[in-house]
Amino acid sequence: TRVTVLGHVQRGGIPTPADRILASRFGMAAIDAVTEHRDD
């Protein structure tokens, strides 16, 4: 029996297209909310 610990490898590197798209959508929605004074 052997063990492999992925650790911080899971955090690093190039984001997938899905994460780039989700991040872009969230960023736009957040700044639009600030502009519209939709707080908290």
PDB file of all heavy atoms in Angstrom:
ATOM      1  N   THR A   1       0.841  -1.201   0.000  1.00  0.00           N
ATOM      2  CA  THR A   1       0.000   0.000   0.000  1.00  0.00           C
ATOM      3  C   THR A   1       0.875   1.250   0.000  1.00  0.00           C
ATOM      4  O   THR A   1       1.791   1.368   0.804  1.00  0.00           O
ATOM      5  CB  THR A   1      -0.928   0.016   1.230  1.00  0.00           C
ATOM      6  OG1 THR A   1      -1.660  -1.212   1.284  1.00  0.00           O
ATOM      7  CG2 THR A   1      -1.909   1.176   1.162  1.00  0.00           C
ATOM      8  N   ARG A   2       0.588   2.161  -0.889  1.00  0.00           N
ATOM      9  CA  ARG A   2       1.336   3.421  -0.987  1.00  0.00           C
ATOM     10  C   ARG A   2       0.369   4.596  -0.952  1.00  0.00           C
ATOM     11  O   ARG A   2      -0.813   4.457  -1.263  1.00  0.00           O
ATOM     12  CB  ARG A   2       2.143   3.471  -2.288  1.00  0.00           C
ATOM     13  CG  ARG A   2       3.055   2.261  -2.512  1.00  0.00           C
ATOM     14  CD  ARG A   2       4.184   2.175  -1.508  1.00  0.00           C
ATOM     15  NE  ARG A   2       4.980   0.968  -1.690  1.00  0.00           N
ATOM     16  CZ  ARG A   2       6.056   0.900  -2.464  1.00  0.00           C
ATOM     17  NH1 ARG A   2       6.447   1.960  -3.173  1.00  0.00           N
ATOM     18  NH2 ARG A   2       6.738  -0.227  -2.554  1.00  0.00           N
ATOM     19  N   VAL A   3       0.898   5.776  -0.611  1.00  0.00           N
ATOM     20  CA  VAL A   3       0.057   6.971  -0.554  1.00  0.00           C
ATOM     21  C   VAL A   3       0.683   8.094  -1.370  1.00  0.00           C
ATOM     22  O   VAL A   3       1.900   8.276  -1.371  1.00  0.00           O
ATOM     23  CB  VAL A   3      -0.170   7.429   0.910  1.00  0.00           C
ATOM     24  CG1 VAL A   3       1.139   7.791   1.596  1.00  0.00           C
ATOM     25  CG2 VAL A   3      -1.146   8.597   0.969  1.00  0.00           C
ATOM     26  N   THR A   4      -0.152   8.816  -2.083  1.00  0.00           N
ATOM     27  CA  THR A   4       0.257  10.014  -2.819  1.00  0.00           C
ATOM     28  C   THR A   4      -0.565  11.186  -2.300  1.00  0.00           C
ATOM     29  O   THR A   4      -1.793  11.136  -2.307  1.00  0.00           O
ATOM     30  CB  THR A   4       0.016   9.851  -4.332  1.00  0.00           C
ATOM     31  OG1 THR A   4       0.830   8.801  -4.830  1.00  0.00           O
ATOM     32  CG2 THR A   4       0.346  11.145  -5.072  1.00  0.00           C
ATOM     33  N   VAL A   5       0.109  12.224  -1.838  1.00  0.00           N
ATOM     34  CA  VAL A   5      -0.557  13.418  -1.316  1.00  0.00           C
ATOM     35  C   VAL A   5      -0.457  14.524  -2.354  1.00  0.00           C
ATOM     36  O   VAL A   5       0.637  15.018  -2.647  1.00  0.00           O
ATOM     37  CB  VAL A   5       0.079  13.870   0.014  1.00  0.00           C
ATOM     38  CG1 VAL A   5      -0.646  15.094   0.563  1.00  0.00           C
ATOM     39  CG2 VAL A   5       0.065  12.740   1.034  1.00  0.00           C
ATOM     40  N   LEU A   6      -1.597  14.918  -2.929  1.00  0.00           N
ATOM     41  CA  LEU A   6      -1.560  15.942  -3.979  1.00  0.00           C
ATOM     42  C   LEU A   6      -1.284  17.331  -3.409  1.00  0.00           C
ATOM     43  O   LEU A   6      -0.632  18.153  -4.056  1.00  0.00           O
ATOM     44  CB  LEU A   6      -2.881  15.943  -4.752  1.00  0.00           C
ATOM     45  CG  LEU A   6      -3.190  14.665  -5.519  1.00  0.00           C
ATOM     46  CD1 LEU A   6      -4.411  14.879  -6.411  1.00  0.00           C
ATOM     47  CD2 LEU A   6      -2.012  14.194  -6.349  1.00  0.00           C
ATOM     48  N   GLY A   7      -1.775  17.609  -2.221  1.00  0.00           N
ATOM     49  CA  GLY A   7      -1.458  18.870  -1.554  1.00  0.00           C
ATOM     50  C   GLY A   7      -1.712  20.094  -2.411  1.00  0.00           C
ATOM     51  O   GLY A   7      -2.727  20.204  -3.091  1.00  0.00           O
ATOM     52  N   HIS A   8      -0.725  21.015  -2.422  1.00  0.00           N
ATOM     53  CA  HIS A   8      -0.918  22.299  -3.083  1.00  0.00           C
ATOM     54  C   HIS A   8      -0.862  22.226  -4.600  1.00  0.00           C
ATOM     55  O   HIS A   8      -1.130  23.226  -5.279  1.00  0.00           O
ATOM     56  CB  HIS A   8       0.109  23.303  -2.559  1.00  0.00           C
ATOM     57  CG  HIS A   8      -0.128  23.695  -1.140  1.00  0.00           C
ATOM     58  ND1 HIS A   8       0.364  22.980  -0.074  1.00  0.00           N
ATOM     59  CD2 HIS A   8      -0.858  24.703  -0.607  1.00  0.00           C
ATOM     60  CE1 HIS A   8      -0.030  23.537   1.053  1.00  0.00           C
ATOM     61  NE2 HIS A   8      -0.768  24.581   0.765  1.00  0.00           N
ATOM     62  N   VAL A   9      -0.510  21.056  -5.142  1.00  0.00           N
ATOM     63  CA  VAL A   9      -0.593  20.880  -6.593  1.00  0.00           C
ATOM     64  C   VAL A   9      -2.009  21.185  -7.086  1.00  0.00           C
ATOM     65  O   VAL A   9      -2.206  21.709  -8.185  1.00  0.00           O
ATOM     66  CB  VAL A   9      -0.201  19.433  -6.976  1.00  0.00           C
ATOM     67  CG1 VAL A   9      -0.518  19.148  -8.428  1.00  0.00           C
ATOM     68  CG2 VAL A   9       1.291  19.212  -6.714  1.00  0.00           C
ATOM     69  N   GLN A  10      -3.010  20.878  -6.244  1.00  0.00           N
ATOM     70  CA  GLN A  10      -4.404  21.104  -6.630  1.00  0.00           C
ATOM     71  C   GLN A  10      -4.739  22.580  -6.788  1.00  0.00           C
ATOM     72  O   GLN A  10      -5.703  22.941  -7.460  1.00  0.00           O
ATOM     73  CB  GLN A  10      -5.336  20.498  -5.571  1.00  0.00           C
ATOM     74  CG  GLN A  10      -5.211  19.003  -5.440  1.00  0.00           C
ATOM     75  CD  GLN A  10      -5.699  18.514  -4.094  1.00  0.00           C
ATOM     76  OE1 GLN A  10      -6.865  18.170  -3.930  1.00  0.00           O
ATOM     77  NE2 GLN A  10      -4.806  18.466  -3.110  1.00  0.00           N
ATOM     78  N   ARG A  11      -3.968  23.447  -6.158  1.00  0.00           N
ATOM     79  CA  ARG A  11      -4.236  24.891  -6.200  1.00  0.00           C
ATOM     80  C   ARG A  11      -3.542  25.591  -7.361  1.00  0.00           C
ATOM     81  O   ARG A  11      -3.882  26.717  -7.703  1.00  0.00           O
ATOM     82  CB  ARG A  11      -3.738  25.564  -4.920  1.00  0.00           C
ATOM     83  CG  ARG A  11      -4.451  25.189  -3.664  1.00  0.00           C
ATOM     84  CD  ARG A  11      -4.002  26.122  -2.542  1.00  0.00           C
ATOM     85  NE  ARG A  11      -4.638  25.811  -1.294  1.00  0.00           N
ATOM     86  CZ  ARG A  11      -5.868  26.193  -0.957  1.00  0.00           C
ATOM     87  NH1 ARG A  11      -6.580  26.884  -1.820  1.00  0.00           N
ATOM     88  NH2 ARG A  11      -6.375  25.880   0.203  1.00  0.00           N
ATOM     89  N   GLY A  12      -2.510  24.965  -7.901  1.00  0.00           N
ATOM     90  CA  GLY A  12      -1.621  25.696  -8.784  1.00  0.00           C
ATOM     91  C   GLY A  12      -1.927  25.564 -10.262  1.00  0.00           C
ATOM     92  O   GLY A  12      -2.764  24.778 -10.687  1.00  0.00           O
ATOM     93  N   GLY A  13      -1.198  26.360 -11.027  1.00  0.00           N
ATOM     94  CA  GLY A  13      -1.212  26.221 -12.473  1.00  0.00           C
ATOM     95  C   GLY A  13      -2.317  26.975 -13.184  1.00  0.00           C
ATOM     96  O   GLY A  13      -2.997  27.837 -12.626  1.00  0.00           O
ATOM     97  N   ILE A  14      -2.494  26.597 -14.432  1.00  0.00           N
ATOM     98  CA  ILE A  14      -3.406  27.277 -15.347  1.00  0.00           C
ATOM     99  C   ILE A  14      -4.861  26.930 -15.012  1.00  0.00           C
ATOM    100  O   ILE A  14      -5.193  25.749 -14.884  1.00  0.00           O
ATOM    101  CB  ILE A  14      -3.104  26.882 -16.792  1.00  0.00           C
ATOM    102  CG1 ILE A  14      -1.674  27.319 -17.157  1.00  0.00           C
ATOM    103  CG2 ILE A  14      -4.104  27.468 -17.766  1.00  0.00           C
ATOM    104  CD1 ILE A  14      -1.195  26.778 -18.485  1.00  0.00           C
ATOM    105  N   PRO A  15      -5.745  27.905 -14.870  1.00  0.00           N
ATOM    106  CA  PRO A  15      -7.155  27.605 -14.624  1.00  0.00           C
ATOM    107  C   PRO A  15      -7.828  27.009 -15.854  1.00  0.00           C
ATOM    108  O   PRO A  15      -7.488  27.351 -16.991  1.00  0.00           O
ATOM    109  CB  PRO A  15      -7.765  28.968 -14.274  1.00  0.00           C
ATOM    110  CG  PRO A  15      -6.866  29.967 -14.920  1.00  0.00           C
ATOM    111  CD  PRO A  15      -5.488  29.358 -14.886  1.00  0.00           C
ATOM    112  N   THR A  16      -8.766  26.107 -15.631  1.00  0.00           N
ATOM    113  CA  THR A  16      -9.523  25.527 -16.741  1.00  0.00           C
ATOM    114  C   THR A  16     -10.404  26.595 -17.381  1.00  0.00           C
ATOM    115  O   THR A  16     -10.688  27.633 -16.769  1.00  0.00           O
ATOM    116  CB  THR A  16     -10.416  24.387 -16.241  1.00  0.00           C
ATOM    117  OG1 THR A  16     -11.334  24.904 -15.266  1.00  0.00           O
ATOM    118  CG2 THR A  16      -9.603  23.261 -15.632  1.00  0.00           C
ATOM    119  N   PRO A  17     -10.861  26.361 -18.615  1.00  0.00           N
ATOM    120  CA  PRO A  17     -11.801  27.304 -19.226  1.00  0.00           C
ATOM    121  C   PRO A  17     -13.036  27.546 -18.357  1.00  0.00           C
ATOM    122  O   PRO A  17     -13.517  28.678 -18.270  1.00  0.00           O
ATOM    123  CB  PRO A  17     -12.172  26.618 -20.544  1.00  0.00           C
ATOM    124  CG  PRO A  17     -10.956  25.820 -20.897  1.00  0.00           C
ATOM    125  CD  PRO A  17     -10.437  25.314 -19.575  1.00  0.00           C
ATOM    126  N   ALA A  18     -13.541  26.486 -17.706  1.00  0.00           N
ATOM    127  CA  ALA A  18     -14.731  26.641 -16.861  1.00  0.00           C
ATOM    128  C   ALA A  18     -14.478  27.622 -15.725  1.00  0.00           C
ATOM    129  O   ALA A  18     -15.330  28.461 -15.405  1.00  0.00           O
ATOM    130  CB  ALA A  18     -15.171  25.289 -16.307  1.00  0.00           C
ATOM    131  N   ASP A  19     -13.293  27.543 -15.099  1.00  0.00           N
ATOM    132  CA  ASP A  19     -12.978  28.473 -14.009  1.00  0.00           C
ATOM    133  C   ASP A  19     -12.748  29.889 -14.524  1.00  0.00           C
ATOM    134  O   ASP A  19     -13.111  30.870 -13.857  1.00  0.00           O
ATOM    135  CB  ASP A  19     -11.751  27.988 -13.232  1.00  0.00           C
ATOM    136  CG  ASP A  19     -12.130  27.084 -12.070  1.00  0.00           C
ATOM    137  OD1 ASP A  19     -13.220  27.268 -11.507  1.00  0.00           O
ATOM    138  OD2 ASP A  19     -11.334  26.192 -11.723  1.00  0.00           O
ATOM    139  N   ARG A  20     -12.151  30.031 -15.698  1.00  0.00           N
ATOM    140  CA  ARG A  20     -11.958  31.376 -16.265  1.00  0.00           C
ATOM    141  C   ARG A  20     -13.303  32.038 -16.562  1.00  0.00           C
ATOM    142  O   ARG A  20     -13.496  33.237 -16.310  1.00  0.00           O
ATOM    143  CB  ARG A  20     -11.144  31.298 -17.555  1.00  0.00           C
ATOM    144  CG  ARG A  20      -9.763  30.711 -17.392  1.00  0.00           C
ATOM    145  CD  ARG A  20      -9.002  30.748 -18.705  1.00  0.00           C
ATOM    146  NE  ARG A  20      -7.952  29.735 -18.743  1.00  0.00           N
ATOM    147  CZ  ARG A  20      -7.066  29.612 -19.703  1.00  0.00           C
ATOM    148  NH1 ARG A  20      -7.091  30.460 -20.730  1.00  0.00           N
ATOM    149  NH2 ARG A  20      -6.165  28.659 -19.665  1.00  0.00           N
ATOM    150  N   ILE A  21     -14.222  31.237 -17.083  1.00  0.00           N
ATOM    151  CA  ILE A  21     -15.552  31.785 -17.425  1.00  0.00           C
ATOM    152  C   ILE A  21     -16.330  32.133 -16.171  1.00  0.00           C
ATOM    153  O   ILE A  21     -16.921  33.222 -16.069  1.00  0.00           O
ATOM    154  CB  ILE A  21     -16.325  30.766 -18.286  1.00  0.00           C
ATOM    155  CG1 ILE A  21     -15.643  30.604 -19.648  1.00  0.00           C
ATOM    156  CG2 ILE A  21     -17.783  31.211 -18.470  1.00  0.00           C
ATOM    157  CD1 ILE A  21     -16.138  29.407 -20.432  1.00  0.00           C
ATOM    158  N   LEU A  22     -16.331  31.222 -15.179  1.00  0.00           N
ATOM    159  CA  LEU A  22     -17.057  31.494 -13.934  1.00  0.00           C
ATOM    160  C   LEU A  22     -16.486  32.721 -13.235  1.00  0.00           C
ATOM    161  O   LEU A  22     -17.235  33.587 -12.764  1.00  0.00           O
ATOM    162  CB  LEU A  22     -16.973  30.278 -13.011  1.00  0.00           C
ATOM    163  CG  LEU A  22     -17.727  30.399 -11.682  1.00  0.00           C
ATOM    164  CD1 LEU A  22     -19.228  30.544 -11.918  1.00  0.00           C
ATOM    165  CD2 LEU A  22     -17.442  29.188 -10.788  1.00  0.00           C
ATOM    166  N   ALA A  23     -15.166  32.816 -13.177  1.00  0.00           N
ATOM    167  CA  ALA A  23     -14.524  33.964 -12.542  1.00  0.00           C
ATOM    168  C   ALA A  23     -14.877  35.266 -13.251  1.00  0.00           C
ATOM    169  O   ALA A  23     -15.142  36.297 -12.612  1.00  0.00           O
ATOM    170  CB  ALA A  23     -13.011  33.766 -12.530  1.00  0.00           C
ATOM    171  N   SER A  24     -14.901  35.233 -14.566  1.00  0.00           N
ATOM    172  CA  SER A  24     -15.248  36.434 -15.340  1.00  0.00           C
ATOM    173  C   SER A  24     -16.694  36.848 -15.093  1.00  0.00           C
ATOM    174  O   SER A  24     -16.990  38.047 -14.936  1.00  0.00           O
ATOM    175  CB  SER A  24     -15.019  36.175 -16.834  1.00  0.00           C
ATOM    176  OG  SER A  24     -13.660  35.882 -17.102  1.00  0.00           O
ATOM    177  N   ARG A  25     -17.590  35.876 -15.044  1.00  0.00           N
ATOM    178  CA  ARG A  25     -19.003  36.173 -14.787  1.00  0.00           C
ATOM    179  C   ARG A  25     -19.194  36.752 -13.387  1.00  0.00           C
ATOM    180  O   ARG A  25     -19.929  37.729 -13.194  1.00  0.00           O
ATOM    181  CB  ARG A  25     -19.849  34.918 -14.955  1.00  0.00           C
ATOM    182  CG  ARG A  25     -19.895  34.367 -16.369  1.00  0.00           C
ATOM    183  CD  ARG A  25     -20.742  33.119 -16.445  1.00  0.00           C
ATOM    184  NE  ARG A  25     -22.159  33.425 -16.293  1.00  0.00           N
ATOM    185  CZ  ARG A  25     -23.108  32.503 -16.146  1.00  0.00           C
ATOM    186  NH1 ARG A  25     -22.790  31.211 -16.108  1.00  0.00           N
ATOM    187  NH2 ARG A  25     -24.373  32.863 -16.020  1.00  0.00           N
ATOM    188  N   PHE A  26     -18.527  36.140 -12.408  1.00  0.00           N
ATOM    189  CA  PHE A  26     -18.640  36.627 -11.030  1.00  0.00           C
ATOM    190  C   PHE A  26     -18.054  38.036 -10.901  1.00  0.00           C
ATOM    191  O   PHE A  26     -18.614  38.890 -10.199  1.00  0.00           O
ATOM    192  CB  PHE A  26     -17.915  35.685 -10.076  1.00  0.00           C
ATOM    193  CG  PHE A  26     -18.715  34.470  -9.668  1.00  0.00           C
ATOM    194  CD1 PHE A  26     -18.134  33.476  -8.894  1.00  0.00           C
ATOM    195  CD2 PHE A  26     -20.046  34.316 -10.027  1.00  0.00           C
ATOM    196  CE1 PHE A  26     -18.854  32.355  -8.504  1.00  0.00           C
ATOM    197  CE2 PHE A  26     -20.784  33.207  -9.647  1.00  0.00           C
ATOM    198  CZ  PHE A  26     -20.175  32.217  -8.874  1.00  0.00           C
ATOM    199  N   GLY A  27     -16.918  38.289 -11.557  1.00  0.00           N
ATOM    200  CA  GLY A  27     -16.301  39.611 -11.476  1.00  0.00           C
ATOM    201  C   GLY A  27     -17.201  40.698 -12.042  1.00  0.00           C
ATOM    202  O   GLY A  27     -17.366  41.769 -11.450  1.00  0.00           O
ATOM    203  N   MET A  28     -17.800  40.416 -13.197  1.00  0.00           N
ATOM    204  CA  MET A  28     -18.719  41.385 -13.803  1.00  0.00           C
ATOM    205  C   MET A  28     -19.951  41.600 -12.940  1.00  0.00           C
ATOM    206  O   MET A  28     -20.399  42.741 -12.730  1.00  0.00           O
ATOM    207  CB  MET A  28     -19.135  40.915 -15.195  1.00  0.00           C
ATOM    208  CG  MET A  28     -18.103  41.180 -16.272  1.00  0.00           C
ATOM    209  SD  MET A  28     -18.736  40.862 -17.940  1.00  0.00           S
ATOM    210  CE  MET A  28     -20.186  41.896 -17.991  1.00  0.00           C
ATOM    211  N   ALA A  29     -20.512  40.507 -12.412  1.00  0.00           N
ATOM    212  CA  ALA A  29     -21.712  40.626 -11.584  1.00  0.00           C
ATOM    213  C   ALA A  29     -21.426  41.429 -10.317  1.00  0.00           C
ATOM    214  O   ALA A  29     -22.263  42.219  -9.858  1.00  0.00           O
ATOM    215  CB  ALA A  29     -22.236  39.239 -11.220  1.00  0.00           C
ATOM    216  N   ALA A  30     -20.222  41.248  -9.763  1.00  0.00           N
ATOM    217  CA  ALA A  30     -19.871  41.946  -8.524  1.00  0.00           C
ATOM    218  C   ALA A  30     -19.729  43.454  -8.738  1.00  0.00           C
ATOM    219  O   ALA A  30     -20.256  44.258  -7.962  1.00  0.00           O
ATOM    220  CB  ALA A  30     -18.575  41.372  -7.959  1.00  0.00           C
ATOM    221  N   ILE A  31     -19.014  43.862  -9.790  1.00  0.00           N
ATOM    222  CA  ILE A  31     -18.830  45.295 -10.022  1.00  0.00           C
ATOM    223  C   ILE A  31     -20.139  45.945 -10.453  1.00  0.00           C
ATOM    224  O   ILE A  31     -20.407  47.116 -10.120  1.00  0.00           O
ATOM    225  CB  ILE A  31     -17.701  45.559 -11.044  1.00  0.00           C
ATOM    226  CG1 ILE A  31     -17.267  47.033 -11.003  1.00  0.00           C
ATOM    227  CG2 ILE A  31     -18.095  45.136 -12.435  1.00  0.00           C
ATOM    228  CD1 ILE A  31     -16.622  47.456  -9.704  1.00  0.00           C
ATOM    229  N   ASP A  32     -20.988  45.217 -11.146  1.00  0.00           N
ATOM    230  CA  ASP A  32     -22.309  45.744 -11.493  1.00  0.00           C
ATOM    231  C   ASP A  32     -23.148  45.936 -10.232  1.00  0.00           C
ATOM    232  O   ASP A  32     -23.876  46.929 -10.103  1.00  0.00           O
ATOM    233  CB  ASP A  32     -23.037  44.804 -12.454  1.00  0.00           C
ATOM    234  CG  ASP A  32     -22.463  44.853 -13.869  1.00  0.00           C
ATOM    235  OD1 ASP A  32     -21.655  45.757 -14.163  1.00  0.00           O
ATOM    236  OD2 ASP A  32     -22.838  43.980 -14.676  1.00  0.00           O
ATOM    237  N   ALA A  33     -23.041  44.996  -9.291  1.00  0.00           N
ATOM    238  CA  ALA A  33     -23.792  45.112  -8.034  1.00  0.00           C
ATOM    239  C   ALA A  33     -23.336  46.327  -7.237  1.00  0.00           C
ATOM    240  O   ALA A  33     -24.155  47.052  -6.653  1.00  0.00           O
ATOM    241  CB  ALA A  33     -23.624  43.838  -7.204  1.00  0.00           C
ATOM    242  N   VAL A  34     -22.018  46.552  -7.211  1.00  0.00           N
ATOM    243  CA  VAL A  34     -21.487  47.735  -6.521  1.00  0.00           C
ATOM    244  C   VAL A  34     -22.040  49.003  -7.159  1.00  0.00           C
ATOM    245  O   VAL A  34     -22.467  49.940  -6.463  1.00  0.00           O
ATOM    246  CB  VAL A  34     -19.941  47.730  -6.579  1.00  0.00           C
ATOM    247  CG1 VAL A  34     -19.392  49.100  -6.188  1.00  0.00           C
ATOM    248  CG2 VAL A  34     -19.368  46.657  -5.664  1.00  0.00           C
ATOM    249  N   THR A  35     -22.048  49.052  -8.473  1.00  0.00           N
ATOM    250  CA  THR A  35     -22.534  50.228  -9.209  1.00  0.00           C
ATOM    251  C   THR A  35     -24.008  50.504  -8.906  1.00  0.00           C
ATOM    252  O   THR A  35     -24.427  51.662  -8.805  1.00  0.00           O
ATOM    253  CB  THR A  35     -22.343  50.015 -10.716  1.00  0.00           C
ATOM    254  OG1 THR A  35     -20.967  49.726 -10.988  1.00  0.00           O
ATOM    255  CG2 THR A  35     -22.757  51.253 -11.502  1.00  0.00           C
ATOM    256  N   GLU A  36     -24.770  49.435  -8.754  1.00  0.00           N
ATOM    257  CA  GLU A  36     -26.208  49.552  -8.486  1.00  0.00           C
ATOM    258  C   GLU A  36     -26.519  49.672  -7.003  1.00  0.00           C
ATOM    259  O   GLU A  36     -27.689  49.664  -6.602  1.00  0.00           O
ATOM    260  CB  GLU A  36     -26.934  48.335  -9.064  1.00  0.00           C
ATOM    261  CG  GLU A  36     -26.811  48.219 -10.579  1.00  0.00           C
ATOM    262  CD  GLU A  36     -27.190  46.839 -11.089  1.00  0.00           C
ATOM    263  OE1 GLU A  36     -27.664  46.010 -10.270  1.00  0.00           O
ATOM    264  OE2 GLU A  36     -27.000  46.583 -12.299  1.00  0.00           O
ATOM    265  N   HIS A  37     -25.444  49.774  -6.172  1.00  0.00           N
ATOM    266  CA  HIS A  37     -25.588  49.894  -4.710  1.00  0.00           C
ATOM    267  C   HIS A  37     -26.367  48.720  -4.107  1.00  0.00           C
ATOM    268  O   HIS A  37     -27.132  48.881  -3.165  1.00  0.00           O
ATOM    269  CB  HIS A  37     -26.288  51.224  -4.355  1.00  0.00           C
ATOM    270  CG  HIS A  37     -25.537  52.427  -4.843  1.00  0.00           C
ATOM    271  ND1 HIS A  37     -24.359  52.864  -4.267  1.00  0.00           N
ATOM    272  CD2 HIS A  37     -25.794  53.276  -5.874  1.00  0.00           C
ATOM    273  CE1 HIS A  37     -23.920  53.937  -4.921  1.00  0.00           C
ATOM    274  NE2 HIS A  37     -24.770  54.205  -5.900  1.00  0.00           N
ATOM    275  N   ARG A  38     -26.117  47.542  -4.655  1.00  0.00           N
ATOM    276  CA  ARG A  38     -26.682  46.312  -4.091  1.00  0.00           C
ATOM    277  C   ARG A  38     -25.621  45.747  -3.147  1.00  0.00           C
ATOM    278  O   ARG A  38     -24.735  45.004  -3.544  1.00  0.00           O
ATOM    279  CB  ARG A  38     -27.057  45.339  -5.194  1.00  0.00           C
ATOM    280  CG  ARG A  38     -28.076  45.927  -6.170  1.00  0.00           C
ATOM    281  CD  ARG A  38     -28.468  44.941  -7.244  1.00  0.00           C
ATOM    282  NE  ARG A  38     -29.235  43.822  -6.686  1.00  0.00           N
ATOM    283  CZ  ARG A  38     -29.704  42.810  -7.412  1.00  0.00           C
ATOM    284  NH1 ARG A  38     -29.484  42.760  -8.711  1.00  0.00           N
ATOM    285  NH2 ARG A  38     -30.385  41.848  -6.840  1.00  0.00           N
ATOM    286  N   ASP A  39     -25.699  46.117  -1.893  1.00  0.00           N
ATOM    287  CA  ASP A  39     -24.638  45.883  -0.934  1.00  0.00           C
ATOM    288  C   ASP A  39     -24.874  44.617  -0.101  1.00  0.00           C
ATOM    289  O   ASP A  39     -25.988  44.106   0.003  1.00  0.00           O
ATOM    290  CB  ASP A  39     -24.499  47.080   0.014  1.00  0.00           C
ATOM    291  CG  ASP A  39     -24.329  48.391  -0.735  1.00  0.00           C
ATOM    292  OD1 ASP A  39     -23.747  48.360  -1.833  1.00  0.00           O
ATOM    293  OD2 ASP A  39     -24.788  49.418  -0.217  1.00  0.00           O
ATOM    294  N   ASP A  40     -23.766  44.159   0.493  1.00  0.00           N
ATOM    295  CA  ASP A  40     -23.790  43.043   1.442  1.00  0.00           C
ATOM    296  C   ASP A  40     -24.382  41.787   0.818  1.00  0.00           C
ATOM    297  O   ASP A  40     -25.201  41.093   1.411  1.00  0.00           O
ATOM    298  CB  ASP A  40     -24.555  43.432   2.713  1.00  0.00           C
ATOM    299  CG  ASP A  40     -24.060  44.747   3.301  1.00  0.00           C
ATOM    300  OD1 ASP A  40     -22.905  45.117   3.012  1.00  0.00           O
ATOM    301  OD2 ASP A  40     -24.830  45.410   4.015  1.00  0.00           O
TER     302      ASP A  40
END
